[in-house]
Amino acid sequence: MSLKLFDLSGRTALVTGSGQGIGYSLAEGLGRAGARVVLNGRDGAKLDAAAERLRAEGIAVETSVFDVTDHAAVKAGVDRIEAEIGPIDILVNNAGIQRRAPLEDYPAETWSEIMRANVDSVFFVGQAVAKHMIARKRGRIINIASLQAQAARYSIAPYTATKGAVLNLTKGMCTDWARHGLQINAIGPGYFETPLNQALVDDPKFTEWLKIRTPTGRWGKVEELQGACIFLASDAATFVNGQIVYVDGGVLATL
């Protein structure tokens, strides 16, 4: 009986930014737990290639190409999924970017870009999907935040600001939508080997610092985020709402 709590069979999950990296891994994990997954991104060819890899595992997968920073495109894309694929039971707001520079030199246009990609997208997709979920009185939204919601590091202050916003938007979504039967939570990854972090992974000095700074002494593997996502999407988390689950190897636990 306890394992059945984590069974996602019969549910459909939309994962934004899922052509690679964390998004792809989370889609894979949800699919392995039984969900039909809908991959989203702007590059149709990349999504098709990702979908083929998942189908080779026996996962039911569809793709939906739209720009999560375009409000009209998001609404049209979500409505199309609902009409042509089926009701979205689980949304994972994963899409995001990183733009590093000293704060005193950070270009205004880059600030706007990172805010659109990391914050506006969570609001746009969350709102569009929630309107359908509210009508059904059920649904799960999982926002991907970061340990940077709690701790800053040199040259990424704007990114830190966006992830702090995602953390508090998660709480706001819970406050507004839990009454309608929705569970909205977030995952806060630590340092993971992803395309977004490739420059840091390839930097021996940074990797050495990371090993010292992280109690588990290593980079995280993207597959290690799957369990938290499956938990928050499943019937094991029916009374978990407005929370952020940090998966960081212990970084935030130590000075």
Protein backbone atom coordinates (compact mmCIF):
# COMPACT_ATOMS: atom_id res chain seq x y z
CA MET A 1 0.00 0.00 0.00
CA SER A 2 2.76 2.49 0.89
CA LEU A 3 4.38 2.22 -2.55
CA LYS A 4 1.03 2.93 -4.22
CA LEU A 5 1.16 6.41 -2.67
CA PHE A 6 3.95 7.24 -5.15
CA ASP A 7 2.24 5.73 -8.23
CA LEU A 8 1.52 8.43 -10.83
CA SER A 9 -0.22 6.17 -13.35
CA GLY A 10 -3.05 7.89 -15.21
CA ARG A 11 -1.70 11.40 -14.57
CA THR A 12 -0.29 13.89 -17.05
CA ALA A 13 2.69 16.06 -16.15
CA LEU A 14 3.86 19.18 -18.00
CA VAL A 15 7.54 19.96 -17.40
CA THR A 16 8.85 23.26 -18.74
CA GLY A 17 12.41 23.56 -19.98
CA SER A 18 12.66 19.79 -20.27
CA GLY A 19 14.79 19.28 -23.37
CA GLN A 20 17.88 18.69 -21.21
CA GLY A 21 19.34 18.96 -17.73
CA ILE A 22 17.17 19.06 -14.63
CA GLY A 23 13.91 19.38 -16.56
CA TYR A 24 14.62 16.29 -18.63
CA SER A 25 15.58 14.28 -15.56
CA LEU A 26 12.43 15.32 -13.69
CA ALA A 27 10.29 14.35 -16.68
CA GLU A 28 12.09 11.00 -16.77
CA GLY A 29 11.45 10.43 -13.06
CA LEU A 30 7.76 11.29 -13.32
CA GLY A 31 7.46 9.04 -16.35
CA ARG A 32 9.13 6.14 -14.58
CA ALA A 33 6.58 6.60 -11.77
CA GLY A 34 3.79 6.10 -14.32
CA ALA A 35 2.89 9.61 -15.50
CA ARG A 36 2.47 10.62 -19.11
CA VAL A 37 4.86 13.53 -19.57
CA VAL A 38 4.64 16.59 -21.81
CA LEU A 39 8.02 18.10 -22.62
CA ASN A 40 8.15 21.84 -23.19
CA GLY A 41 10.74 24.21 -24.62
CA ARG A 42 11.39 26.51 -27.57
CA ASP A 43 13.52 24.10 -29.63
CA GLY A 44 11.25 21.53 -31.26
CA ALA A 45 14.13 19.39 -32.55
CA LYS A 46 15.69 19.16 -29.08
CA LEU A 47 12.33 18.19 -27.57
CA ASP A 48 11.76 15.52 -30.22
CA ALA A 49 15.17 14.00 -29.50
CA ALA A 50 14.48 14.04 -25.75
CA ALA A 51 11.06 12.48 -26.32
CA GLU A 52 12.60 9.63 -28.32
CA ARG A 53 15.01 8.85 -25.49
CA LEU A 54 12.13 8.68 -23.02
CA ARG A 55 10.00 6.54 -25.33
CA ALA A 56 12.91 4.11 -25.56
CA GLU A 57 12.42 3.62 -21.80
CA GLY A 58 8.74 2.89 -22.30
CA ILE A 59 7.59 6.29 -21.03
CA ALA A 60 4.47 7.86 -22.56
CA VAL A 61 5.58 11.29 -23.77
CA GLU A 62 4.29 14.23 -25.82
CA THR A 63 5.91 17.54 -26.73
CA SER A 64 4.60 21.12 -26.69
CA VAL A 65 6.68 23.94 -28.14
CA PHE A 66 6.04 27.41 -26.71
CA ASP A 67 7.96 30.25 -25.08
CA VAL A 68 7.25 30.38 -21.35
CA THR A 69 8.14 34.10 -21.24
CA ASP A 70 5.34 34.97 -23.70
CA HIS A 71 2.04 35.29 -21.84
CA ALA A 72 -0.17 34.79 -24.89
CA ALA A 73 1.90 31.84 -26.13
CA VAL A 74 1.72 30.20 -22.70
CA LYS A 75 -2.06 30.46 -22.53
CA ALA A 76 -2.46 29.10 -26.06
CA GLY A 77 0.03 26.29 -25.38
CA VAL A 78 -1.59 25.22 -22.11
CA ASP A 79 -5.09 25.34 -23.61
CA ARG A 80 -3.88 23.22 -26.54
CA ILE A 81 -2.42 20.58 -24.20
CA GLU A 82 -5.66 20.47 -22.22
CA ALA A 83 -7.75 20.09 -25.39
CA GLU A 84 -5.53 17.74 -27.42
CA ILE A 85 -3.54 15.70 -24.89
CA GLY A 86 -5.57 15.83 -21.71
CA PRO A 87 -5.92 17.51 -18.33
CA ILE A 88 -2.64 18.61 -16.75
CA ASP A 89 -2.50 16.98 -13.32
CA ILE A 90 1.09 17.97 -12.51
CA LEU A 91 3.03 21.08 -13.54
CA VAL A 92 6.78 21.38 -12.99
CA ASN A 93 7.93 24.98 -13.54
CA ASN A 94 11.56 24.28 -14.36
CA ALA A 95 12.52 26.62 -17.22
CA GLY A 96 15.17 29.19 -16.32
CA ILE A 97 18.50 30.77 -17.20
CA GLN A 98 21.66 31.99 -15.50
CA ARG A 99 23.50 35.20 -16.43
CA ARG A 100 26.64 35.92 -14.37
CA ALA A 101 28.23 39.35 -13.91
CA PRO A 102 29.28 41.64 -11.04
CA LEU A 103 26.17 43.43 -9.83
CA GLU A 104 27.65 46.90 -10.33
CA ASP A 105 28.14 46.09 -14.02
CA TYR A 106 24.98 44.05 -14.60
CA PRO A 107 23.21 45.31 -17.76
CA ALA A 108 19.61 46.43 -17.31
CA GLU A 109 18.52 44.43 -20.34
CA THR A 110 20.08 41.27 -18.85
CA TRP A 111 18.27 41.91 -15.56
CA SER A 112 14.98 42.07 -17.49
CA GLU A 113 15.88 38.90 -19.40
CA ILE A 114 16.59 36.83 -16.30
CA MET A 115 13.47 38.12 -14.54
CA ARG A 116 11.31 37.14 -17.54
CA ALA A 117 12.85 33.68 -17.79
CA ASN A 118 12.98 32.81 -14.10
CA VAL A 119 10.04 34.65 -12.52
CA ASP A 120 7.54 35.75 -15.18
CA SER A 121 7.51 32.24 -16.64
CA VAL A 122 6.55 30.68 -13.29
CA PHE A 123 3.66 33.14 -12.97
CA PHE A 124 2.53 32.80 -16.59
CA VAL A 125 2.55 28.99 -16.75
CA GLY A 126 1.38 28.57 -13.17
CA GLN A 127 -1.61 30.83 -13.70
CA ALA A 128 -2.59 29.28 -17.04
CA VAL A 129 -2.45 25.74 -15.68
CA ALA A 130 -4.04 26.63 -12.33
CA LYS A 131 -7.17 27.97 -14.02
CA HIS A 132 -7.83 24.49 -15.37
CA MET A 133 -6.83 22.79 -12.11
CA ILE A 134 -9.09 25.06 -10.06
CA ALA A 135 -12.06 24.07 -12.20
CA ARG A 136 -11.29 20.40 -11.44
CA LYS A 137 -10.55 21.07 -7.74
CA ARG A 138 -7.22 19.22 -7.90
CA GLY A 139 -3.65 19.57 -9.16
CA ARG A 140 0.03 19.72 -8.25
CA ILE A 141 2.41 22.55 -9.08
CA ILE A 142 6.12 22.10 -8.36
CA ASN A 143 8.31 25.16 -8.87
CA ILE A 144 12.06 24.75 -9.24
CA ALA A 145 13.78 27.25 -6.97
CA SER A 146 17.38 26.93 -5.76
CA LEU A 147 19.49 27.00 -2.63
CA GLN A 148 20.24 30.52 -3.94
CA ALA A 149 16.80 31.46 -2.65
CA GLN A 150 18.50 31.42 0.76
CA ALA A 151 22.17 32.11 0.09
CA ALA A 152 23.94 34.43 -2.35
CA ARG A 153 27.27 34.02 -4.12
CA TYR A 154 29.44 36.52 -5.99
CA SER A 155 28.29 37.51 -9.51
CA ILE A 156 24.83 35.93 -9.37
CA ALA A 157 22.82 38.45 -7.31
CA PRO A 158 20.06 38.79 -9.96
CA TYR A 159 19.70 34.99 -10.18
CA THR A 160 19.47 34.90 -6.39
CA ALA A 161 16.74 37.53 -6.54
CA THR A 162 14.76 35.47 -9.05
CA LYS A 163 14.92 32.32 -6.96
CA GLY A 164 13.90 34.21 -3.84
CA ALA A 165 10.91 35.42 -5.84
CA VAL A 166 10.07 31.85 -6.89
CA LEU A 167 10.18 30.75 -3.25
CA ASN A 168 7.74 33.48 -2.18
CA LEU A 169 5.55 33.06 -5.26
CA THR A 170 5.23 29.40 -4.28
CA LYS A 171 3.92 30.48 -0.89
CA GLY A 172 1.56 32.95 -2.55
CA MET A 173 0.23 30.32 -4.94
CA CYS A 174 -0.44 28.06 -1.96
CA THR A 175 -2.21 30.84 -0.10
CA ASP A 176 -4.50 31.59 -3.06
CA TRP A 177 -5.03 28.13 -4.54
CA ALA A 178 -4.86 25.52 -1.76
CA ARG A 179 -8.51 26.27 -0.97
CA HIS A 180 -9.32 24.98 -4.47
CA GLY A 181 -7.65 21.60 -3.89
CA LEU A 182 -4.20 22.41 -5.31
CA GLN A 183 -0.83 21.57 -3.74
CA ILE A 184 1.95 23.99 -4.67
CA ASN A 185 5.49 23.36 -3.48
CA ALA A 186 9.06 23.96 -4.63
CA ILE A 187 12.32 22.09 -4.90
CA GLY A 188 15.57 23.91 -4.11
CA PRO A 189 18.45 22.19 -5.89
CA GLY A 190 21.99 22.72 -4.72
CA TYR A 191 24.95 22.40 -7.07
CA PHE A 192 24.18 19.90 -9.82
CA GLU A 193 26.05 18.87 -12.94
CA THR A 194 23.92 20.47 -15.67
CA PRO A 195 24.48 22.40 -18.90
CA LEU A 196 23.62 25.56 -16.93
CA ASN A 197 26.56 24.90 -14.60
CA GLN A 198 28.99 23.43 -17.12
CA ALA A 199 31.46 26.30 -16.84
CA LEU A 200 31.66 25.72 -13.08
CA VAL A 201 31.86 21.95 -13.43
CA ASP A 202 34.85 22.43 -15.77
CA ASP A 203 36.59 24.82 -13.35
CA PRO A 204 38.90 22.77 -11.08
CA LYS A 205 39.18 25.61 -8.55
CA PHE A 206 35.41 25.95 -8.20
CA THR A 207 34.88 22.20 -8.01
CA GLU A 208 37.46 21.94 -5.24
CA TRP A 209 35.70 24.74 -3.33
CA LEU A 210 32.38 22.95 -3.85
CA LYS A 211 33.70 19.69 -2.46
CA ILE A 212 34.88 21.48 0.67
CA ARG A 213 31.69 23.55 1.01
CA THR A 214 29.25 20.65 0.53
CA PRO A 215 29.08 18.15 3.42
CA THR A 216 28.58 15.26 0.97
CA GLY A 217 31.72 16.43 -0.84
CA ARG A 218 30.59 16.34 -4.47
CA TRP A 219 28.37 17.72 -7.23
CA GLY A 220 24.82 16.43 -7.29
CA LYS A 221 23.55 14.18 -10.09
CA VAL A 222 20.31 15.32 -11.73
CA GLU A 223 18.71 11.91 -11.09
CA GLU A 224 18.95 12.70 -7.37
CA LEU A 225 16.20 15.30 -7.80
CA GLN A 226 13.68 12.79 -9.11
CA GLY A 227 12.62 11.41 -5.74
CA ALA A 228 11.63 14.79 -4.32
CA CYS A 229 9.64 15.59 -7.45
CA ILE A 230 7.81 12.26 -7.43
CA PHE A 231 7.00 12.71 -3.74
CA LEU A 232 5.54 16.21 -4.21
CA ALA A 233 3.54 15.05 -7.24
CA SER A 234 2.14 11.98 -5.50
CA ASP A 235 -0.55 11.05 -3.00
CA ALA A 236 2.19 10.85 -0.37
CA ALA A 237 2.15 14.67 -0.25
CA THR A 238 -1.57 15.47 0.04
CA PHE A 239 -1.04 17.73 3.09
CA VAL A 240 2.28 19.26 2.00
CA ASN A 241 1.67 22.78 0.72
CA GLY A 242 3.65 25.97 0.28
CA GLN A 243 6.95 24.29 1.16
CA ILE A 244 10.42 24.22 -0.39
CA VAL A 245 12.37 20.98 -0.27
CA TYR A 246 16.11 21.59 -0.51
CA VAL A 247 18.14 18.89 -2.25
CA ASP A 248 21.62 20.30 -1.76
CA GLY A 249 23.90 17.71 -0.18
CA GLY A 250 23.79 19.66 3.08
CA VAL A 251 25.10 23.05 1.89
CA LEU A 252 22.49 25.08 3.77
CA ALA A 253 23.00 23.04 6.93
CA THR A 254 26.56 24.20 7.53
CA LEU A 255 28.64 27.37 7.71
